[in-house]
Amino acid sequence: MATETQHLKGEKTAGSILAVDYGRARIGLAIAESEAQLPRPLLTLERVNRNEDMRRLRELARDCGVRQIVVGLPLRLDGTHGEMAEEATRFAARLRKQLGLPVDMLDERLTSWEAERLLEEQSGRTLHDAKTHGKGAHNPAKASVDAVAAAVILREYLEQRRATKSSPNI
């Protein structure tokens, strides 16, 4: 996967924030430069195994000058933790330990839906039809949704940080 990192060498910015949309098959990634704080989809990693996934994320974080990570927390619609929320929490703990960076988690309910809606508006095509491909087929539309979902997570995270900073201390 050296091509992913080589592609990102030019993306290096000091103090970037990386968002992670965790999934069992793919990990969607988005990044924001701390000064501009404009999140943008970065790429989608196809999962290999824990060690290889961490190695690629460590390399990406180093190459992009990441200082903070935010991982989407896929809560159920009623706000409770399910199996995927527990997996994402364990993944965030591994990131924190192996990359040595601060990791926050953010409720990501409906971010994939919002990402699909944004992509549909942008492209004028329906991504739901693309999901009917077989599991073995490479699906670039789904990969885009994962990275855009990470950008939505990062946008919400940055909005919450701005709101917290601008609210007066009482």
N, C-alpha and C. Protein backbone atom coordinates (compact mmCIF):
# COMPACT_ATOMS: atom_id res chain seq x y z
N MET A 1 0.81 -1.19 0.00
CA MET A 1 0.00 0.00 0.00
C MET A 1 0.85 1.26 0.00
N ALA A 2 2.04 1.17 -0.47
CA ALA A 2 2.93 2.33 -0.52
C ALA A 2 2.36 3.43 -1.39
N THR A 3 1.52 3.08 -2.37
CA THR A 3 0.97 4.10 -3.25
C THR A 3 0.09 5.08 -2.49
N GLU A 4 -0.65 4.61 -1.48
CA GLU A 4 -1.49 5.51 -0.69
C GLU A 4 -0.63 6.55 0.00
N THR A 5 0.45 6.11 0.61
CA THR A 5 1.32 7.03 1.34
C THR A 5 2.08 7.94 0.39
N GLN A 6 2.54 7.39 -0.71
CA GLN A 6 3.23 8.24 -1.68
C GLN A 6 2.30 9.33 -2.18
N HIS A 7 1.04 8.99 -2.42
CA HIS A 7 0.06 9.97 -2.86
C HIS A 7 -0.12 11.06 -1.81
N LEU A 8 0.00 10.70 -0.54
CA LEU A 8 -0.26 11.64 0.55
C LEU A 8 0.95 12.45 0.96
N LYS A 9 2.13 12.16 0.45
CA LYS A 9 3.33 12.89 0.87
C LYS A 9 3.14 14.39 0.68
N GLY A 10 2.48 14.78 -0.39
CA GLY A 10 2.24 16.19 -0.65
C GLY A 10 1.16 16.79 0.23
N GLU A 11 0.45 15.96 0.98
CA GLU A 11 -0.65 16.41 1.82
C GLU A 11 -0.19 16.87 3.20
N LYS A 12 1.09 16.82 3.48
CA LYS A 12 1.60 17.04 4.83
C LYS A 12 1.28 18.44 5.33
N THR A 13 0.62 18.49 6.47
CA THR A 13 0.31 19.75 7.12
C THR A 13 0.51 19.55 8.61
N ALA A 14 1.15 20.51 9.26
CA ALA A 14 1.41 20.38 10.69
C ALA A 14 0.11 20.54 11.47
N GLY A 15 -0.11 19.66 12.38
CA GLY A 15 -1.26 19.80 13.27
C GLY A 15 -2.59 19.42 12.66
N SER A 16 -2.61 18.48 11.75
CA SER A 16 -3.86 18.04 11.13
C SER A 16 -4.68 17.19 12.10
N ILE A 17 -5.98 17.15 11.83
CA ILE A 17 -6.90 16.30 12.58
C ILE A 17 -7.43 15.25 11.61
N LEU A 18 -7.32 13.99 11.99
CA LEU A 18 -7.74 12.88 11.15
C LEU A 18 -9.04 12.30 11.70
N ALA A 19 -10.03 12.11 10.83
CA ALA A 19 -11.28 11.46 11.22
C ALA A 19 -11.31 10.07 10.63
N VAL A 20 -11.87 9.14 11.40
CA VAL A 20 -11.92 7.73 11.02
C VAL A 20 -13.37 7.25 11.08
N ASP A 21 -13.86 6.75 9.95
CA ASP A 21 -15.15 6.08 9.91
C ASP A 21 -14.84 4.58 9.89
N TYR A 22 -14.90 3.96 11.07
CA TYR A 22 -14.49 2.57 11.24
C TYR A 22 -15.54 1.62 10.68
N GLY A 23 -15.07 0.60 9.97
CA GLY A 23 -15.95 -0.46 9.49
C GLY A 23 -15.19 -1.77 9.44
N ARG A 24 -15.92 -2.87 9.34
CA ARG A 24 -15.27 -4.18 9.32
C ARG A 24 -14.54 -4.44 8.02
N ALA A 25 -15.00 -3.87 6.91
CA ALA A 25 -14.37 -4.10 5.61
C ALA A 25 -13.50 -2.93 5.18
N ARG A 26 -13.90 -1.70 5.56
CA ARG A 26 -13.19 -0.50 5.12
C ARG A 26 -13.10 0.50 6.26
N ILE A 27 -12.10 1.38 6.14
CA ILE A 27 -11.94 2.49 7.08
C ILE A 27 -11.91 3.77 6.24
N GLY A 28 -12.94 4.59 6.41
CA GLY A 28 -12.99 5.87 5.72
C GLY A 28 -12.19 6.90 6.48
N LEU A 29 -11.43 7.73 5.76
CA LEU A 29 -10.57 8.72 6.40
C LEU A 29 -10.82 10.11 5.81
N ALA A 30 -10.80 11.10 6.67
CA ALA A 30 -10.89 12.50 6.26
C ALA A 30 -9.89 13.28 7.09
N ILE A 31 -9.53 14.46 6.61
CA ILE A 31 -8.51 15.26 7.30
C ILE A 31 -8.91 16.72 7.28
N ALA A 32 -8.47 17.45 8.29
CA ALA A 32 -8.64 18.90 8.34
C ALA A 32 -7.34 19.51 8.81
N GLU A 33 -6.94 20.58 8.18
CA GLU A 33 -5.78 21.32 8.64
C GLU A 33 -6.25 22.16 9.82
N SER A 34 -5.49 22.19 10.87
CA SER A 34 -5.96 22.86 12.07
C SER A 34 -6.22 24.35 11.86
N GLU A 35 -5.45 25.01 11.03
CA GLU A 35 -5.66 26.44 10.81
C GLU A 35 -6.96 26.69 10.06
N ALA A 36 -7.13 26.03 8.95
CA ALA A 36 -8.31 26.24 8.11
C ALA A 36 -9.53 25.51 8.68
N GLN A 37 -9.30 24.40 9.31
CA GLN A 37 -10.34 23.54 9.86
C GLN A 37 -11.44 23.25 8.83
N LEU A 38 -11.03 22.94 7.62
CA LEU A 38 -11.96 22.53 6.57
C LEU A 38 -11.78 21.04 6.32
N PRO A 39 -12.72 20.22 6.77
CA PRO A 39 -12.57 18.78 6.58
C PRO A 39 -12.78 18.40 5.12
N ARG A 40 -11.99 17.41 4.69
CA ARG A 40 -12.17 16.89 3.33
C ARG A 40 -11.90 15.39 3.34
N PRO A 41 -12.66 14.67 2.51
CA PRO A 41 -12.41 13.22 2.40
C PRO A 41 -10.97 13.00 1.96
N LEU A 42 -10.33 11.99 2.53
CA LEU A 42 -8.94 11.70 2.20
C LEU A 42 -8.86 10.44 1.36
N LEU A 43 -9.20 9.30 1.95
CA LEU A 43 -9.20 8.03 1.23
C LEU A 43 -9.93 6.99 2.05
N THR A 44 -10.13 5.85 1.43
CA THR A 44 -10.74 4.71 2.11
C THR A 44 -9.75 3.56 2.07
N LEU A 45 -9.45 3.02 3.24
CA LEU A 45 -8.54 1.87 3.33
C LEU A 45 -9.37 0.59 3.36
N GLU A 46 -9.01 -0.35 2.50
CA GLU A 46 -9.60 -1.68 2.59
C GLU A 46 -8.91 -2.37 3.76
N ARG A 47 -9.69 -2.95 4.66
CA ARG A 47 -9.12 -3.60 5.83
C ARG A 47 -8.33 -4.84 5.42
N VAL A 48 -7.18 -5.07 6.08
CA VAL A 48 -6.37 -6.25 5.85
C VAL A 48 -6.38 -7.09 7.12
N ASN A 49 -5.73 -6.60 8.16
CA ASN A 49 -5.76 -7.20 9.49
C ASN A 49 -5.35 -6.11 10.47
N ARG A 50 -5.48 -6.39 11.76
CA ARG A 50 -5.20 -5.35 12.76
C ARG A 50 -3.82 -4.74 12.63
N ASN A 51 -2.80 -5.58 12.51
CA ASN A 51 -1.42 -5.08 12.46
C ASN A 51 -1.17 -4.24 11.21
N GLU A 52 -1.61 -4.74 10.07
CA GLU A 52 -1.40 -4.00 8.82
C GLU A 52 -2.22 -2.71 8.80
N ASP A 53 -3.44 -2.77 9.31
CA ASP A 53 -4.27 -1.56 9.37
C ASP A 53 -3.59 -0.49 10.22
N MET A 54 -3.05 -0.91 11.38
CA MET A 54 -2.37 0.04 12.26
C MET A 54 -1.09 0.57 11.63
N ARG A 55 -0.36 -0.30 10.95
CA ARG A 55 0.87 0.15 10.29
C ARG A 55 0.55 1.24 9.26
N ARG A 56 -0.49 1.00 8.45
CA ARG A 56 -0.85 1.98 7.41
C ARG A 56 -1.35 3.29 8.04
N LEU A 57 -2.13 3.18 9.11
CA LEU A 57 -2.63 4.39 9.77
C LEU A 57 -1.49 5.16 10.45
N ARG A 58 -0.54 4.44 11.04
CA ARG A 58 0.61 5.08 11.68
C ARG A 58 1.41 5.86 10.63
N GLU A 59 1.65 5.23 9.48
CA GLU A 59 2.40 5.86 8.40
C GLU A 59 1.65 7.09 7.86
N LEU A 60 0.36 6.95 7.67
CA LEU A 60 -0.45 8.06 7.18
C LEU A 60 -0.44 9.22 8.18
N ALA A 61 -0.60 8.91 9.46
CA ALA A 61 -0.61 9.95 10.49
C ALA A 61 0.72 10.70 10.52
N ARG A 62 1.81 9.96 10.39
CA ARG A 62 3.14 10.58 10.37
C ARG A 62 3.29 11.47 9.13
N ASP A 63 2.95 10.92 7.97
CA ASP A 63 3.13 11.66 6.72
C ASP A 63 2.24 12.90 6.62
N CYS A 64 1.08 12.86 7.26
CA CYS A 64 0.14 13.99 7.19
C CYS A 64 0.26 14.94 8.39
N GLY A 65 1.19 14.66 9.31
CA GLY A 65 1.37 15.54 10.46
C GLY A 65 0.17 15.58 11.38
N VAL A 66 -0.47 14.44 11.58
CA VAL A 66 -1.67 14.37 12.41
C VAL A 66 -1.30 14.56 13.87
N ARG A 67 -2.06 15.40 14.57
CA ARG A 67 -1.87 15.63 16.01
C ARG A 67 -3.08 15.20 16.83
N GLN A 68 -4.19 14.91 16.14
CA GLN A 68 -5.44 14.54 16.82
C GLN A 68 -6.22 13.60 15.90
N ILE A 69 -6.90 12.61 16.50
CA ILE A 69 -7.74 11.68 15.75
C ILE A 69 -9.13 11.69 16.36
N VAL A 70 -10.14 11.63 15.52
CA VAL A 70 -11.52 11.46 15.98
C VAL A 70 -12.11 10.25 15.27
N VAL A 71 -12.66 9.34 16.05
CA VAL A 71 -13.24 8.11 15.52
C VAL A 71 -14.75 8.17 15.69
N GLY A 72 -15.47 7.85 14.63
CA GLY A 72 -16.92 7.83 14.71
C GLY A 72 -17.40 6.70 15.60
N LEU A 73 -18.38 7.00 16.45
CA LEU A 73 -18.96 6.02 17.36
C LEU A 73 -20.35 5.66 16.84
N PRO A 74 -20.50 4.47 16.25
CA PRO A 74 -21.77 4.10 15.63
C PRO A 74 -22.81 3.61 16.65
N LEU A 75 -23.41 4.56 17.35
CA LEU A 75 -24.45 4.22 18.30
C LEU A 75 -25.71 3.80 17.56
N ARG A 76 -26.55 3.04 18.24
CA ARG A 76 -27.86 2.70 17.68
C ARG A 76 -28.70 3.97 17.65
N LEU A 77 -29.77 3.96 16.88
CA LEU A 77 -30.62 5.15 16.77
C LEU A 77 -31.17 5.59 18.12
N ASP A 78 -31.36 4.65 19.05
CA ASP A 78 -31.86 5.02 20.38
C ASP A 78 -30.75 5.49 21.32
N GLY A 79 -29.51 5.56 20.80
CA GLY A 79 -28.39 6.08 21.59
C GLY A 79 -27.62 5.04 22.38
N THR A 80 -28.02 3.78 22.32
CA THR A 80 -27.33 2.74 23.07
C THR A 80 -26.15 2.19 22.26
N HIS A 81 -25.23 1.55 22.98
CA HIS A 81 -24.06 0.93 22.36
C HIS A 81 -24.43 -0.46 21.88
N GLY A 82 -24.09 -0.74 20.62
CA GLY A 82 -24.26 -2.08 20.07
C GLY A 82 -22.90 -2.69 19.79
N GLU A 83 -22.89 -3.77 19.03
CA GLU A 83 -21.66 -4.48 18.73
C GLU A 83 -20.67 -3.59 17.97
N MET A 84 -21.14 -2.85 16.97
CA MET A 84 -20.24 -2.00 16.19
C MET A 84 -19.67 -0.86 17.04
N ALA A 85 -20.45 -0.33 17.96
CA ALA A 85 -19.94 0.74 18.84
C ALA A 85 -18.83 0.19 19.73
N GLU A 86 -18.99 -1.04 20.20
CA GLU A 86 -17.95 -1.65 21.03
C GLU A 86 -16.68 -1.89 20.20
N GLU A 87 -16.84 -2.36 18.96
CA GLU A 87 -15.68 -2.56 18.09
C GLU A 87 -14.96 -1.24 17.82
N ALA A 88 -15.72 -0.20 17.52
CA ALA A 88 -15.12 1.11 17.24
C ALA A 88 -14.39 1.65 18.47
N THR A 89 -14.94 1.41 19.65
CA THR A 89 -14.30 1.85 20.89
C THR A 89 -12.98 1.13 21.10
N ARG A 90 -12.95 -0.18 20.86
CA ARG A 90 -11.70 -0.94 20.97
C ARG A 90 -10.69 -0.47 19.93
N PHE A 91 -11.16 -0.18 18.71
CA PHE A 91 -10.29 0.31 17.65
C PHE A 91 -9.68 1.65 18.05
N ALA A 92 -10.48 2.54 18.62
CA ALA A 92 -9.99 3.85 19.06
C ALA A 92 -8.93 3.68 20.15
N ALA A 93 -9.13 2.74 21.06
CA ALA A 93 -8.15 2.49 22.12
C ALA A 93 -6.83 1.98 21.52
N ARG A 94 -6.91 1.10 20.50
CA ARG A 94 -5.69 0.63 19.83
C ARG A 94 -4.97 1.79 19.14
N LEU A 95 -5.74 2.66 18.47
CA LEU A 95 -5.13 3.83 17.82
C LEU A 95 -4.38 4.68 18.84
N ARG A 96 -5.03 4.97 19.95
CA ARG A 96 -4.45 5.80 21.01
C ARG A 96 -3.14 5.18 21.51
N LYS A 97 -3.16 3.87 21.75
CA LYS A 97 -2.00 3.18 22.28
C LYS A 97 -0.88 3.06 21.26
N GLN A 98 -1.21 2.65 20.04
CA GLN A 98 -0.16 2.36 19.05
C GLN A 98 0.35 3.59 18.31
N LEU A 99 -0.47 4.63 18.19
CA LEU A 99 -0.02 5.83 17.49
C LEU A 99 0.45 6.91 18.45
N GLY A 100 0.08 6.77 19.74
CA GLY A 100 0.51 7.74 20.73
C GLY A 100 -0.10 9.12 20.51
N LEU A 101 -1.29 9.17 19.93
CA LEU A 101 -1.97 10.44 19.69
C LEU A 101 -3.28 10.49 20.46
N PRO A 102 -3.75 11.69 20.79
CA PRO A 102 -5.06 11.78 21.45
C PRO A 102 -6.16 11.35 20.48
N VAL A 103 -7.11 10.57 20.99
CA VAL A 103 -8.22 10.07 20.17
C VAL A 103 -9.52 10.39 20.88
N ASP A 104 -10.39 11.11 20.20
CA ASP A 104 -11.74 11.38 20.69
C ASP A 104 -12.71 10.53 19.89
N MET A 105 -13.90 10.34 20.46
CA MET A 105 -14.96 9.63 19.74
C MET A 105 -16.16 10.57 19.61
N LEU A 106 -16.87 10.41 18.51
CA LEU A 106 -18.03 11.27 18.24
C LEU A 106 -19.18 10.43 17.71
N ASP A 107 -20.36 10.65 18.26
CA ASP A 107 -21.56 9.98 17.79
C ASP A 107 -21.68 10.17 16.28
N GLU A 108 -21.74 9.08 15.54
CA GLU A 108 -21.78 9.17 14.08
C GLU A 108 -23.10 8.70 13.49
N ARG A 109 -24.14 8.63 14.30
CA ARG A 109 -25.43 8.18 13.77
C ARG A 109 -25.81 8.98 12.53
N LEU A 110 -26.18 8.28 11.49
CA LEU A 110 -26.67 8.84 10.23
C LEU A 110 -25.61 9.53 9.37
N THR A 111 -24.33 9.43 9.72
CA THR A 111 -23.32 10.09 8.89
C THR A 111 -23.17 9.41 7.53
N SER A 112 -23.30 8.09 7.46
CA SER A 112 -23.21 7.42 6.16
C SER A 112 -24.39 7.84 5.28
N TRP A 113 -25.57 7.96 5.89
CA TRP A 113 -26.74 8.41 5.14
C TRP A 113 -26.50 9.83 4.62
N GLU A 114 -25.98 10.71 5.48
CA GLU A 114 -25.71 12.08 5.06
C GLU A 114 -24.63 12.12 3.97
N ALA A 115 -23.62 11.27 4.09
CA ALA A 115 -22.57 11.21 3.08
C ALA A 115 -23.15 10.78 1.73
N GLU A 116 -24.02 9.77 1.75
CA GLU A 116 -24.65 9.33 0.51
C GLU A 116 -25.47 10.46 -0.10
N ARG A 117 -26.22 11.18 0.73
CA ARG A 117 -27.04 12.29 0.26
C ARG A 117 -26.16 13.37 -0.37
N LEU A 118 -25.06 13.70 0.28
CA LEU A 118 -24.14 14.71 -0.25
C LEU A 118 -23.56 14.27 -1.59
N LEU A 119 -23.16 13.02 -1.69
CA LEU A 119 -22.60 12.51 -2.94
C LEU A 119 -23.65 12.45 -4.04
N GLU A 120 -24.88 12.09 -3.68
CA GLU A 120 -25.96 12.07 -4.67
C GLU A 120 -26.22 13.46 -5.21
N GLU A 121 -26.25 14.45 -4.31
CA GLU A 121 -26.46 15.84 -4.74
C GLU A 121 -25.33 16.30 -5.65
N GLN A 122 -24.10 15.94 -5.27
CA GLN A 122 -22.94 16.38 -6.02
C GLN A 122 -22.86 15.72 -7.39
N SER A 123 -23.15 14.45 -7.45
CA SER A 123 -22.94 13.70 -8.70
C SER A 123 -24.21 13.54 -9.52
N GLY A 124 -25.37 13.72 -8.89
CA GLY A 124 -26.61 13.54 -9.61
C GLY A 124 -26.95 12.09 -9.87
N ARG A 125 -26.35 11.19 -9.13
CA ARG A 125 -26.65 9.77 -9.31
C ARG A 125 -26.98 9.16 -7.96
N THR A 126 -27.67 8.08 -7.96
CA THR A 126 -28.07 7.41 -6.73
C THR A 126 -27.07 6.32 -6.39
N LEU A 127 -26.52 6.41 -5.19
CA LEU A 127 -25.52 5.43 -4.76
C LEU A 127 -26.16 4.16 -4.22
N HIS A 128 -27.42 4.24 -3.88
CA HIS A 128 -28.08 3.04 -3.36
C HIS A 128 -28.03 1.91 -4.38
N ASP A 129 -28.13 2.23 -5.67
CA ASP A 129 -28.06 1.22 -6.72
C ASP A 129 -26.69 0.56 -6.75
N ALA A 130 -25.64 1.31 -6.45
CA ALA A 130 -24.28 0.77 -6.48
C ALA A 130 -24.07 -0.28 -5.40
N LYS A 131 -24.87 -0.22 -4.33
CA LYS A 131 -24.70 -1.15 -3.23
C LYS A 131 -25.17 -2.56 -3.58
N THR A 132 -25.83 -2.74 -4.71
CA THR A 132 -26.34 -4.06 -5.08
C THR A 132 -25.27 -4.95 -5.68
N HIS A 133 -24.02 -4.45 -5.85
CA HIS A 133 -22.92 -5.26 -6.36
C HIS A 133 -22.60 -6.36 -5.36
N GLY A 134 -22.03 -7.45 -5.85
CA GLY A 134 -21.64 -8.56 -4.97
C GLY A 134 -20.55 -8.15 -4.01
N LYS A 135 -20.41 -8.90 -2.93
CA LYS A 135 -19.41 -8.58 -1.91
C LYS A 135 -17.99 -8.58 -2.46
N GLY A 136 -17.70 -9.42 -3.42
CA GLY A 136 -16.35 -9.52 -3.95
C GLY A 136 -16.01 -8.39 -4.91
N ALA A 137 -17.01 -7.70 -5.40
CA ALA A 137 -16.77 -6.65 -6.39
C ALA A 137 -16.24 -5.39 -5.72
N HIS A 138 -15.27 -4.74 -6.37
CA HIS A 138 -14.77 -3.47 -5.87
C HIS A 138 -15.82 -2.42 -6.16
N ASN A 139 -16.18 -1.65 -5.19
CA ASN A 139 -17.26 -0.68 -5.34
C ASN A 139 -16.74 0.70 -5.02
N PRO A 140 -16.30 1.48 -6.04
CA PRO A 140 -15.75 2.80 -5.76
C PRO A 140 -16.77 3.74 -5.15
N ALA A 141 -18.05 3.56 -5.44
CA ALA A 141 -19.06 4.44 -4.85
C ALA A 141 -19.09 4.26 -3.34
N LYS A 142 -19.01 3.02 -2.87
CA LYS A 142 -19.02 2.75 -1.43
C LYS A 142 -17.76 3.31 -0.78
N ALA A 143 -16.64 3.17 -1.45
CA ALA A 143 -15.40 3.72 -0.91
C ALA A 143 -15.53 5.22 -0.73
N SER A 144 -16.14 5.90 -1.68
CA SER A 144 -16.34 7.34 -1.57
C SER A 144 -17.24 7.68 -0.38
N VAL A 145 -18.28 6.88 -0.19
CA VAL A 145 -19.20 7.13 0.92
C VAL A 145 -18.45 7.04 2.25
N ASP A 146 -17.56 6.07 2.41
CA ASP A 146 -16.81 5.91 3.66
C ASP A 146 -15.94 7.13 3.95
N ALA A 147 -15.23 7.63 2.95
CA ALA A 147 -14.37 8.81 3.16
C ALA A 147 -15.21 10.06 3.40
N VAL A 148 -16.32 10.21 2.69
CA VAL A 148 -17.19 11.37 2.90
C VAL A 148 -17.85 11.28 4.28
N ALA A 149 -18.21 10.07 4.71
CA ALA A 149 -18.77 9.90 6.06
C ALA A 149 -17.75 10.34 7.11
N ALA A 150 -16.47 10.02 6.90
CA ALA A 150 -15.42 10.48 7.82
C ALA A 150 -15.34 12.00 7.81
N ALA A 151 -15.52 12.63 6.64
CA ALA A 151 -15.51 14.10 6.56
C ALA A 151 -16.70 14.70 7.30
N VAL A 152 -17.85 14.04 7.25
CA VAL A 152 -19.03 14.50 7.99
C VAL A 152 -18.76 14.40 9.50
N ILE A 153 -18.16 13.29 9.93
CA ILE A 153 -17.79 13.13 11.34
C ILE A 153 -16.86 14.26 11.76
N LEU A 154 -15.86 14.54 10.95
CA LEU A 154 -14.89 15.59 11.27
C LEU A 154 -15.54 16.96 11.29
N ARG A 155 -16.43 17.22 10.36
CA ARG A 155 -17.13 18.51 10.34
C ARG A 155 -17.92 18.71 11.64
N GLU A 156 -18.64 17.67 12.06
CA GLU A 156 -19.42 17.76 13.30
C GLU A 156 -18.51 17.95 14.51
N TYR A 157 -17.39 17.25 14.53
CA TYR A 157 -16.42 17.37 15.62
C TYR A 157 -15.90 18.80 15.72
N LEU A 158 -15.51 19.38 14.58
CA LEU A 158 -14.98 20.74 14.57
C LEU A 158 -16.05 21.75 14.96
N GLU A 159 -17.29 21.52 14.52
CA GLU A 159 -18.39 22.42 14.91
C GLU A 159 -18.61 22.39 16.41
N GLN A 160 -18.54 21.19 17.01
CA GLN A 160 -18.70 21.08 18.46
C GLN A 160 -17.57 21.79 19.19
N ARG A 161 -16.34 21.66 18.68
CA ARG A 161 -15.20 22.34 19.30
C ARG A 161 -15.35 23.85 19.23
N ARG A 162 -15.79 24.35 18.08
CA ARG A 162 -15.99 25.80 17.93
C ARG A 162 -17.08 26.29 18.87
N ALA A 163 -18.17 25.52 18.98
CA ALA A 163 -19.28 25.92 19.86
C ALA A 163 -18.81 25.94 21.32
N THR A 164 -17.99 24.97 21.71
CA THR A 164 -17.49 24.92 23.07
C THR A 164 -16.57 26.09 23.36
N LYS A 165 -15.72 26.45 22.39
CA LYS A 165 -14.79 27.57 22.58
C LYS A 165 -15.51 28.91 22.62
N SER A 166 -16.61 29.05 21.86
CA SER A 166 -17.30 30.34 21.79
C SER A 166 -18.34 30.52 22.89
N SER A 167 -18.73 29.46 23.57
CA SER A 167 -19.72 29.61 24.64
C SER A 167 -19.04 30.18 25.88
N PRO A 168 -19.70 31.18 26.52
CA PRO A 168 -19.09 31.80 27.70
C PRO A 168 -19.10 30.83 28.89
N ASN A 169 -18.06 30.92 29.68
CA ASN A 169 -18.00 30.10 30.92
C ASN A 169 -18.89 30.74 31.96
N ILE A 170 -19.76 29.93 32.49
CA ILE A 170 -20.69 30.45 33.50
C ILE A 170 -20.31 29.94 34.86
